[in-house]
N, C-alpha and C. Protein backbone atom coordinates (compact mmCIF):
# COMPACT_ATOMS: atom_id res chain seq x y z
N MET A 1 128.33 120.98 71.65
CA MET A 1 127.42 119.92 71.24
C MET A 1 127.89 118.57 71.78
N LYS A 2 129.22 118.35 71.80
CA LYS A 2 129.74 117.08 72.31
C LYS A 2 129.39 116.92 73.78
N PHE A 3 129.48 118.03 74.54
CA PHE A 3 129.15 117.98 75.95
C PHE A 3 127.70 117.57 76.14
N PHE A 4 126.77 118.16 75.38
CA PHE A 4 125.35 117.84 75.49
C PHE A 4 125.11 116.37 75.14
N THR A 5 125.75 115.88 74.09
CA THR A 5 125.61 114.48 73.68
C THR A 5 126.11 113.55 74.77
N SER A 6 127.26 113.89 75.36
CA SER A 6 127.82 113.07 76.44
C SER A 6 126.90 113.08 77.66
N LEU A 7 126.40 114.26 78.00
CA LEU A 7 125.50 114.37 79.14
C LEU A 7 124.23 113.55 78.91
N THR A 8 123.68 113.60 77.73
CA THR A 8 122.49 112.83 77.39
C THR A 8 122.76 111.33 77.49
N ALA A 9 123.90 110.89 76.97
CA ALA A 9 124.26 109.46 77.04
C ALA A 9 124.40 109.00 78.48
N VAL A 10 125.05 109.80 79.31
CA VAL A 10 125.21 109.44 80.72
C VAL A 10 123.85 109.36 81.40
N PHE A 11 122.96 110.32 81.11
CA PHE A 11 121.63 110.31 81.70
C PHE A 11 120.89 109.03 81.34
N PHE A 12 120.89 108.63 80.07
CA PHE A 12 120.15 107.43 79.67
C PHE A 12 120.80 106.16 80.21
N LEU A 13 122.11 106.13 80.36
CA LEU A 13 122.75 104.98 80.99
C LEU A 13 122.32 104.87 82.45
N ALA A 14 122.30 106.00 83.15
CA ALA A 14 121.87 106.00 84.55
C ALA A 14 120.40 105.60 84.65
N LEU A 15 119.58 106.12 83.75
CA LEU A 15 118.16 105.79 83.72
C LEU A 15 117.97 104.29 83.54
N ASN A 16 118.72 103.69 82.62
CA ASN A 16 118.63 102.26 82.37
C ASN A 16 119.06 101.47 83.60
N THR A 17 120.13 101.89 84.25
CA THR A 17 120.63 101.18 85.43
C THR A 17 119.60 101.20 86.55
N PHE A 18 119.02 102.39 86.82
CA PHE A 18 118.03 102.49 87.88
C PHE A 18 116.74 101.76 87.53
N ALA A 19 116.29 101.87 86.30
CA ALA A 19 115.03 101.24 85.89
C ALA A 19 115.16 99.72 85.86
N ALA A 20 116.34 99.21 85.56
CA ALA A 20 116.54 97.76 85.46
C ALA A 20 116.43 97.08 86.82
N THR A 21 116.57 97.79 87.90
CA THR A 21 116.49 97.21 89.24
C THR A 21 115.06 97.20 89.77
N GLU A 22 114.08 97.33 88.90
CA GLU A 22 112.68 97.45 89.29
C GLU A 22 112.21 96.32 90.18
N THR A 23 112.68 95.11 89.97
CA THR A 23 112.19 93.99 90.78
C THR A 23 112.58 94.13 92.24
N GLU A 24 113.58 94.93 92.56
CA GLU A 24 114.03 95.11 93.93
C GLU A 24 113.42 96.36 94.57
N ARG A 25 112.54 97.04 93.87
CA ARG A 25 112.03 98.32 94.34
C ARG A 25 110.58 98.20 94.76
N SER A 26 110.17 99.11 95.66
CA SER A 26 108.76 99.14 96.05
C SER A 26 108.01 100.25 95.33
N LYS A 27 108.71 101.24 94.77
CA LYS A 27 108.06 102.35 94.07
C LYS A 27 108.11 102.12 92.56
N LYS A 28 107.07 102.58 91.88
CA LYS A 28 107.08 102.60 90.42
C LYS A 28 108.14 103.57 89.95
N PHE A 29 108.73 103.33 88.79
CA PHE A 29 109.76 104.24 88.29
C PHE A 29 109.18 105.62 88.01
N ILE A 30 108.00 105.68 87.41
CA ILE A 30 107.33 106.96 87.15
C ILE A 30 105.99 106.95 87.86
N ASP A 31 105.70 107.99 88.62
CA ASP A 31 104.37 108.15 89.17
C ASP A 31 103.96 109.62 89.10
N PHE A 32 102.70 109.87 89.33
CA PHE A 32 102.11 111.19 89.15
C PHE A 32 101.39 111.60 90.42
N ASP A 33 101.25 112.89 90.63
CA ASP A 33 100.48 113.36 91.77
C ASP A 33 99.88 114.71 91.46
N ILE A 34 98.89 115.07 92.25
CA ILE A 34 98.32 116.42 92.21
C ILE A 34 98.39 116.97 93.63
N SER A 35 98.59 118.27 93.72
CA SER A 35 98.68 118.87 95.05
C SER A 35 98.19 120.31 94.99
N GLY A 36 97.94 120.82 96.17
CA GLY A 36 97.55 122.21 96.32
C GLY A 36 98.32 122.79 97.49
N SER A 37 98.63 124.07 97.40
CA SER A 37 99.35 124.72 98.50
C SER A 37 98.77 126.10 98.73
N ALA A 38 99.10 126.64 99.89
CA ALA A 38 98.65 127.98 100.24
C ALA A 38 99.76 128.68 101.00
N GLY A 39 99.79 129.98 100.88
CA GLY A 39 100.79 130.75 101.58
C GLY A 39 100.39 132.21 101.63
N ASN A 40 101.29 133.01 102.19
CA ASN A 40 101.06 134.44 102.31
C ASN A 40 102.38 135.12 101.99
N TYR A 41 102.38 135.98 100.98
CA TYR A 41 103.59 136.69 100.59
C TYR A 41 103.30 138.18 100.56
N ASN A 42 104.04 138.94 101.35
CA ASN A 42 103.88 140.39 101.43
C ASN A 42 102.45 140.79 101.78
N GLY A 43 101.86 140.05 102.71
CA GLY A 43 100.51 140.38 103.16
C GLY A 43 99.41 139.93 102.24
N GLN A 44 99.73 139.23 101.17
CA GLN A 44 98.72 138.79 100.21
C GLN A 44 98.71 137.26 100.18
N SER A 45 97.56 136.67 100.42
CA SER A 45 97.48 135.21 100.41
C SER A 45 97.38 134.70 98.97
N TYR A 46 97.75 133.45 98.79
CA TYR A 46 97.69 132.82 97.47
C TYR A 46 97.42 131.34 97.62
N THR A 47 96.97 130.75 96.53
CA THR A 47 96.76 129.31 96.41
C THR A 47 97.54 128.85 95.19
N GLU A 48 98.14 127.67 95.27
CA GLU A 48 98.82 127.09 94.12
C GLU A 48 98.25 125.71 93.83
N LEU A 49 98.14 125.39 92.55
CA LEU A 49 97.73 124.06 92.09
C LEU A 49 98.92 123.45 91.37
N HIS A 50 99.21 122.17 91.64
CA HIS A 50 100.36 121.49 91.07
C HIS A 50 99.96 120.16 90.44
N ALA A 51 100.61 119.82 89.33
CA ALA A 51 100.51 118.49 88.72
C ALA A 51 101.94 118.00 88.53
N GLY A 52 102.30 116.94 89.27
CA GLY A 52 103.69 116.50 89.30
C GLY A 52 103.94 115.16 88.64
N VAL A 53 105.15 115.02 88.10
CA VAL A 53 105.66 113.76 87.56
C VAL A 53 106.92 113.44 88.35
N ASN A 54 106.97 112.25 88.92
CA ASN A 54 108.09 111.84 89.74
C ASN A 54 108.85 110.70 89.07
N LEU A 55 110.16 110.87 88.93
CA LEU A 55 111.03 109.80 88.44
C LEU A 55 111.74 109.23 89.66
N ASN A 56 111.31 108.05 90.09
CA ASN A 56 111.86 107.41 91.27
C ASN A 56 113.05 106.54 90.86
N PHE A 57 114.23 107.14 90.86
CA PHE A 57 115.42 106.41 90.44
C PHE A 57 115.72 105.25 91.39
N THR A 58 115.48 105.44 92.67
CA THR A 58 115.55 104.37 93.66
C THR A 58 114.40 104.62 94.63
N ASP A 59 114.25 103.75 95.62
CA ASP A 59 113.20 103.98 96.62
C ASP A 59 113.49 105.22 97.45
N SER A 60 114.75 105.69 97.49
CA SER A 60 115.12 106.83 98.32
C SER A 60 115.47 108.09 97.54
N PHE A 61 115.50 108.04 96.21
CA PHE A 61 115.95 109.18 95.42
C PHE A 61 114.98 109.45 94.27
N THR A 62 114.36 110.63 94.30
CA THR A 62 113.33 110.99 93.31
C THR A 62 113.65 112.35 92.70
N TRP A 63 113.44 112.44 91.37
CA TRP A 63 113.50 113.73 90.68
C TRP A 63 112.06 114.09 90.37
N ARG A 64 111.56 115.19 90.94
CA ARG A 64 110.17 115.61 90.78
C ARG A 64 110.10 116.87 89.93
N ASN A 65 109.20 116.86 88.95
CA ASN A 65 108.92 118.03 88.12
C ASN A 65 107.42 118.29 88.21
N SER A 66 107.07 119.52 88.54
CA SER A 66 105.67 119.85 88.77
C SER A 66 105.30 121.16 88.09
N LEU A 67 104.30 121.10 87.21
CA LEU A 67 103.73 122.32 86.64
C LEU A 67 102.83 122.94 87.69
N PHE A 68 102.85 124.26 87.81
CA PHE A 68 102.00 124.90 88.82
C PHE A 68 101.37 126.17 88.28
N LYS A 69 100.32 126.57 88.99
CA LYS A 69 99.64 127.85 88.74
C LYS A 69 99.43 128.49 90.11
N ARG A 70 99.97 129.71 90.29
CA ARG A 70 99.77 130.46 91.53
C ARG A 70 98.64 131.45 91.29
N ILE A 71 97.62 131.39 92.17
CA ILE A 71 96.45 132.25 92.07
C ILE A 71 96.41 133.14 93.31
N PRO A 72 96.89 134.38 93.19
CA PRO A 72 96.89 135.27 94.34
C PRO A 72 95.51 135.88 94.59
N SER A 73 95.26 136.24 95.83
CA SER A 73 94.03 136.96 96.15
C SER A 73 94.26 138.44 95.85
N GLY A 74 93.21 139.19 95.74
CA GLY A 74 93.34 140.64 95.59
C GLY A 74 93.66 141.13 94.19
N GLY A 75 93.47 140.31 93.16
CA GLY A 75 93.62 140.79 91.80
C GLY A 75 95.03 140.85 91.24
N ALA A 76 96.04 140.39 91.95
CA ALA A 76 97.39 140.35 91.39
C ALA A 76 97.43 139.33 90.26
N PRO A 77 98.35 139.48 89.30
CA PRO A 77 98.39 138.54 88.18
C PRO A 77 98.78 137.13 88.61
N GLU A 78 98.21 136.14 87.91
CA GLU A 78 98.55 134.74 88.15
C GLU A 78 99.94 134.45 87.61
N ILE A 79 100.60 133.47 88.19
CA ILE A 79 101.93 133.06 87.74
C ILE A 79 101.89 131.56 87.46
N ASN A 80 102.46 131.15 86.33
CA ASN A 80 102.58 129.75 85.97
C ASN A 80 104.05 129.38 85.95
N GLY A 81 104.34 128.08 86.07
CA GLY A 81 105.74 127.70 85.99
C GLY A 81 105.98 126.23 86.24
N LEU A 82 107.25 125.93 86.50
CA LEU A 82 107.71 124.57 86.73
C LEU A 82 108.61 124.55 87.96
N ASP A 83 108.31 123.66 88.89
CA ASP A 83 109.19 123.37 90.02
C ASP A 83 109.91 122.06 89.71
N SER A 84 111.22 122.05 89.84
CA SER A 84 112.01 120.84 89.64
C SER A 84 112.87 120.63 90.88
N SER A 85 112.77 119.45 91.48
CA SER A 85 113.52 119.21 92.72
C SER A 85 114.02 117.77 92.79
N LEU A 86 115.06 117.59 93.58
CA LEU A 86 115.59 116.27 93.90
C LEU A 86 115.22 115.98 95.33
N ARG A 87 114.60 114.84 95.56
CA ARG A 87 114.15 114.49 96.90
C ARG A 87 114.86 113.24 97.40
N LEU A 88 115.34 113.31 98.61
CA LEU A 88 115.83 112.13 99.32
C LEU A 88 114.75 111.74 100.31
N SER A 89 114.43 110.45 100.38
CA SER A 89 113.34 110.02 101.25
C SER A 89 113.76 108.81 102.07
N HIS A 90 112.98 108.59 103.12
CA HIS A 90 113.22 107.44 103.99
C HIS A 90 111.86 106.91 104.45
N ASP A 91 111.68 105.60 104.35
CA ASP A 91 110.43 104.97 104.75
C ASP A 91 110.47 104.60 106.23
N LEU A 92 109.40 104.95 106.93
CA LEU A 92 109.21 104.58 108.33
C LEU A 92 107.87 103.84 108.41
N GLY A 93 107.86 102.60 107.97
CA GLY A 93 106.61 101.85 107.86
C GLY A 93 105.76 102.45 106.77
N PRO A 94 104.49 102.78 107.06
CA PRO A 94 103.63 103.37 106.03
C PRO A 94 103.90 104.86 105.79
N LEU A 95 104.79 105.45 106.59
CA LEU A 95 105.10 106.87 106.47
C LEU A 95 106.44 107.05 105.75
N THR A 96 106.46 107.94 104.75
CA THR A 96 107.70 108.28 104.05
C THR A 96 107.99 109.75 104.29
N VAL A 97 109.18 110.05 104.79
CA VAL A 97 109.59 111.44 104.99
C VAL A 97 110.60 111.79 103.90
N TYR A 98 110.58 113.04 103.46
CA TYR A 98 111.49 113.45 102.38
C TYR A 98 111.89 114.91 102.54
N ALA A 99 112.99 115.26 101.88
CA ALA A 99 113.46 116.64 101.83
C ALA A 99 114.39 116.77 100.63
N GLY A 100 114.52 117.99 100.12
CA GLY A 100 115.44 118.19 99.02
C GLY A 100 115.41 119.59 98.45
N PRO A 101 116.44 119.90 97.65
CA PRO A 101 116.55 121.21 97.01
C PRO A 101 115.96 121.18 95.60
N GLY A 102 115.76 122.38 95.04
CA GLY A 102 115.26 122.46 93.67
C GLY A 102 115.30 123.88 93.15
N TYR A 103 114.61 124.09 92.03
CA TYR A 103 114.54 125.40 91.41
C TYR A 103 113.16 125.60 90.82
N ARG A 104 112.68 126.85 90.85
CA ARG A 104 111.38 127.23 90.29
C ARG A 104 111.60 128.19 89.12
N TRP A 105 111.07 127.80 87.94
CA TRP A 105 111.05 128.68 86.77
C TRP A 105 109.62 129.17 86.62
N THR A 106 109.45 130.48 86.38
CA THR A 106 108.09 131.04 86.32
C THR A 106 107.88 131.85 85.04
N SER A 107 106.60 132.11 84.76
CA SER A 107 106.24 132.95 83.62
C SER A 107 106.67 134.40 83.84
N ASP A 108 106.89 134.79 85.08
CA ASP A 108 107.41 136.10 85.44
C ASP A 108 108.84 135.88 85.93
N SER A 109 109.83 136.14 85.08
CA SER A 109 111.21 135.79 85.41
C SER A 109 111.72 136.45 86.69
N ASN A 110 111.05 137.50 87.15
CA ASN A 110 111.41 138.10 88.44
C ASN A 110 111.06 137.20 89.62
N ARG A 111 110.26 136.17 89.37
CA ARG A 111 109.82 135.27 90.43
C ARG A 111 110.51 133.91 90.38
N ASN A 112 111.56 133.74 89.55
CA ASN A 112 112.33 132.50 89.58
C ASN A 112 112.98 132.39 90.95
N ALA A 113 113.12 131.16 91.46
CA ALA A 113 113.60 131.02 92.84
C ALA A 113 114.26 129.68 93.10
N LEU A 114 115.21 129.69 94.01
CA LEU A 114 115.72 128.45 94.60
C LEU A 114 114.64 127.94 95.54
N LEU A 115 114.53 126.65 95.68
CA LEU A 115 113.53 126.12 96.60
C LEU A 115 114.10 124.99 97.43
N GLY A 116 113.53 124.81 98.57
CA GLY A 116 113.79 123.67 99.43
C GLY A 116 112.45 123.18 99.92
N GLU A 117 112.27 121.86 99.94
CA GLU A 117 110.99 121.34 100.38
C GLU A 117 111.19 120.14 101.29
N ALA A 118 110.25 119.94 102.18
CA ALA A 118 110.27 118.80 103.08
C ALA A 118 108.83 118.43 103.39
N GLY A 119 108.62 117.15 103.62
CA GLY A 119 107.27 116.71 103.92
C GLY A 119 107.23 115.25 104.29
N ALA A 120 106.02 114.75 104.41
CA ALA A 120 105.79 113.35 104.75
C ALA A 120 104.58 112.85 103.97
N ASN A 121 104.65 111.60 103.57
CA ASN A 121 103.55 110.95 102.86
C ASN A 121 103.10 109.73 103.67
N LEU A 122 101.80 109.55 103.78
CA LEU A 122 101.23 108.38 104.42
C LEU A 122 100.66 107.49 103.32
N ASN A 123 101.17 106.27 103.23
CA ASN A 123 100.74 105.32 102.20
C ASN A 123 99.63 104.45 102.77
N VAL A 124 98.44 104.56 102.17
CA VAL A 124 97.29 103.80 102.60
C VAL A 124 96.81 102.99 101.39
N GLY A 125 97.18 101.72 101.33
CA GLY A 125 96.85 100.91 100.17
C GLY A 125 97.53 101.47 98.93
N ARG A 126 96.76 101.75 97.90
CA ARG A 126 97.32 102.29 96.66
C ARG A 126 97.24 103.81 96.60
N VAL A 127 96.82 104.45 97.70
CA VAL A 127 96.69 105.90 97.74
C VAL A 127 97.73 106.46 98.70
N THR A 128 98.31 107.59 98.33
CA THR A 128 99.28 108.28 99.18
C THR A 128 98.75 109.67 99.48
N LEU A 129 98.73 110.02 100.76
CA LEU A 129 98.34 111.35 101.22
C LEU A 129 99.58 112.02 101.79
N GLY A 130 99.83 113.26 101.39
CA GLY A 130 101.04 113.92 101.84
C GLY A 130 100.81 115.35 102.28
N ALA A 131 101.77 115.86 103.05
CA ALA A 131 101.74 117.25 103.50
C ALA A 131 103.18 117.70 103.72
N GLY A 132 103.40 119.00 103.56
CA GLY A 132 104.75 119.51 103.77
C GLY A 132 104.82 121.01 103.59
N ALA A 133 106.07 121.49 103.47
CA ALA A 133 106.30 122.92 103.30
C ALA A 133 107.36 123.13 102.22
N LYS A 134 107.24 124.24 101.51
CA LYS A 134 108.20 124.61 100.47
C LYS A 134 108.70 126.02 100.75
N TYR A 135 110.01 126.16 100.81
CA TYR A 135 110.66 127.45 101.03
C TYR A 135 111.18 127.96 99.69
N LEU A 136 110.88 129.21 99.34
CA LEU A 136 111.35 129.83 98.10
C LEU A 136 112.25 131.01 98.43
N ARG A 137 113.37 131.11 97.74
CA ARG A 137 114.28 132.26 97.85
C ARG A 137 114.40 132.84 96.44
N TYR A 138 113.72 133.98 96.20
CA TYR A 138 113.68 134.57 94.86
C TYR A 138 115.06 135.05 94.43
N ASP A 139 115.38 134.85 93.14
CA ASP A 139 116.67 135.26 92.58
C ASP A 139 116.84 136.77 92.58
N GLN A 140 115.76 137.46 92.29
CA GLN A 140 115.83 138.92 92.17
C GLN A 140 115.04 139.58 93.29
N ALA A 141 115.42 140.80 93.61
CA ALA A 141 114.71 141.57 94.63
C ALA A 141 113.25 141.74 94.19
N GLN A 142 112.35 141.74 95.15
CA GLN A 142 110.93 141.91 94.90
C GLN A 142 110.51 143.29 95.41
N TYR A 143 109.56 143.93 94.72
CA TYR A 143 109.12 145.28 95.07
C TYR A 143 107.60 145.32 95.17
N ASP A 144 107.10 146.13 96.09
CA ASP A 144 105.65 146.30 96.18
C ASP A 144 105.20 147.38 95.21
N SER A 145 103.91 147.72 95.24
CA SER A 145 103.35 148.68 94.29
C SER A 145 103.92 150.10 94.46
N THR A 146 104.49 150.39 95.62
CA THR A 146 105.08 151.73 95.84
C THR A 146 106.56 151.77 95.47
N GLY A 147 107.11 150.63 95.08
CA GLY A 147 108.52 150.57 94.70
C GLY A 147 109.45 150.21 95.84
N ALA A 148 108.90 149.94 97.01
CA ALA A 148 109.73 149.56 98.17
C ALA A 148 110.10 148.07 98.07
N GLU A 149 111.34 147.76 98.40
CA GLU A 149 111.79 146.36 98.36
C GLU A 149 111.12 145.57 99.47
N ILE A 150 110.67 144.36 99.11
CA ILE A 150 110.04 143.48 100.09
C ILE A 150 110.89 142.22 100.24
N LYS A 151 110.52 141.38 101.17
CA LYS A 151 111.31 140.18 101.46
C LYS A 151 111.46 139.29 100.23
N ARG A 152 112.57 138.58 100.17
CA ARG A 152 112.85 137.68 99.04
C ARG A 152 112.51 136.24 99.39
N ASP A 153 111.99 136.00 100.58
CA ASP A 153 111.68 134.66 101.04
C ASP A 153 110.18 134.43 101.04
N ASP A 154 109.78 133.19 100.81
CA ASP A 154 108.37 132.82 100.75
C ASP A 154 108.26 131.38 101.22
N VAL A 155 107.28 131.07 102.03
CA VAL A 155 107.03 129.70 102.47
C VAL A 155 105.59 129.36 102.15
N SER A 156 105.37 128.19 101.54
CA SER A 156 104.01 127.73 101.32
C SER A 156 103.87 126.33 101.91
N TYR A 157 102.66 126.00 102.30
CA TYR A 157 102.35 124.71 102.91
C TYR A 157 101.43 123.96 101.95
N PHE A 158 101.69 122.65 101.79
CA PHE A 158 100.94 121.92 100.78
C PHE A 158 100.39 120.61 101.29
N ILE A 159 99.34 120.14 100.57
CA ILE A 159 98.82 118.79 100.74
C ILE A 159 98.82 118.16 99.35
N ALA A 160 98.98 116.84 99.31
CA ALA A 160 99.07 116.15 98.03
C ALA A 160 98.35 114.81 98.11
N ILE A 161 97.89 114.34 96.96
CA ILE A 161 97.30 113.01 96.86
C ILE A 161 97.85 112.35 95.60
N SER A 162 98.17 111.09 95.68
CA SER A 162 98.64 110.34 94.52
C SER A 162 98.33 108.88 94.74
N GLY A 163 98.57 108.09 93.69
CA GLY A 163 98.47 106.64 93.84
C GLY A 163 97.51 106.00 92.88
N GLY A 164 97.58 104.69 92.89
CA GLY A 164 96.69 103.90 92.06
C GLY A 164 97.20 103.66 90.65
N PHE A 165 98.24 104.41 90.25
CA PHE A 165 98.75 104.23 88.91
C PHE A 165 100.22 104.63 88.91
N GLY A 166 100.91 104.22 87.89
CA GLY A 166 102.33 104.51 87.73
C GLY A 166 102.83 103.71 86.56
N ALA A 167 104.08 103.85 86.23
CA ALA A 167 104.63 103.14 85.09
C ALA A 167 106.04 102.67 85.40
N THR A 168 106.39 101.55 84.83
CA THR A 168 107.75 101.05 84.98
C THR A 168 108.26 100.69 83.59
N PHE A 169 109.54 100.83 83.39
CA PHE A 169 110.13 100.41 82.14
C PHE A 169 111.63 100.33 82.30
N GLY A 170 112.24 99.57 81.42
CA GLY A 170 113.70 99.50 81.36
C GLY A 170 114.12 99.76 79.93
N LEU A 171 115.25 100.35 79.75
CA LEU A 171 115.76 100.62 78.41
C LEU A 171 116.83 99.60 78.07
N GLY A 172 116.72 98.96 76.95
CA GLY A 172 117.76 98.05 76.49
C GLY A 172 117.74 96.70 77.16
N ASN A 173 116.68 96.35 77.85
CA ASN A 173 116.59 95.04 78.50
C ASN A 173 115.62 94.13 77.78
């Protein structure tokens, strides 16, 4: 319990430090986005819908958490879950490029996975348009309907839109 309390205190101290520098930042501390992705896993195509919350600790460091729903074609069951990732980014004028690692928790624990993602966002006024790719490496072996082991890797490609709103705050200031 002491460890959890200490970890929580350190997190809120770091949160306060990053949020207090808001006047020097170009990004809102908290922003939201929606995105969609598509891919093909074991010969079956799928679509994913995402709703993300981004904690922009600095202009270059973001912790993103996104609820998702995977809708496979061909009658396979849908999967829901949470993607959590840390993104490092760099601005190149109106274009922001980013990459980072993360983890996916799913309603089907056999589909939990390490993830890596990379992409670019184009900032046009208060709207951001983005595109990229997400690589998934499943924790457990995957099997087809005949019981044969299939690949543990999956890549999906996504587009995203965000902007026009966000929130800033500081703790203890």
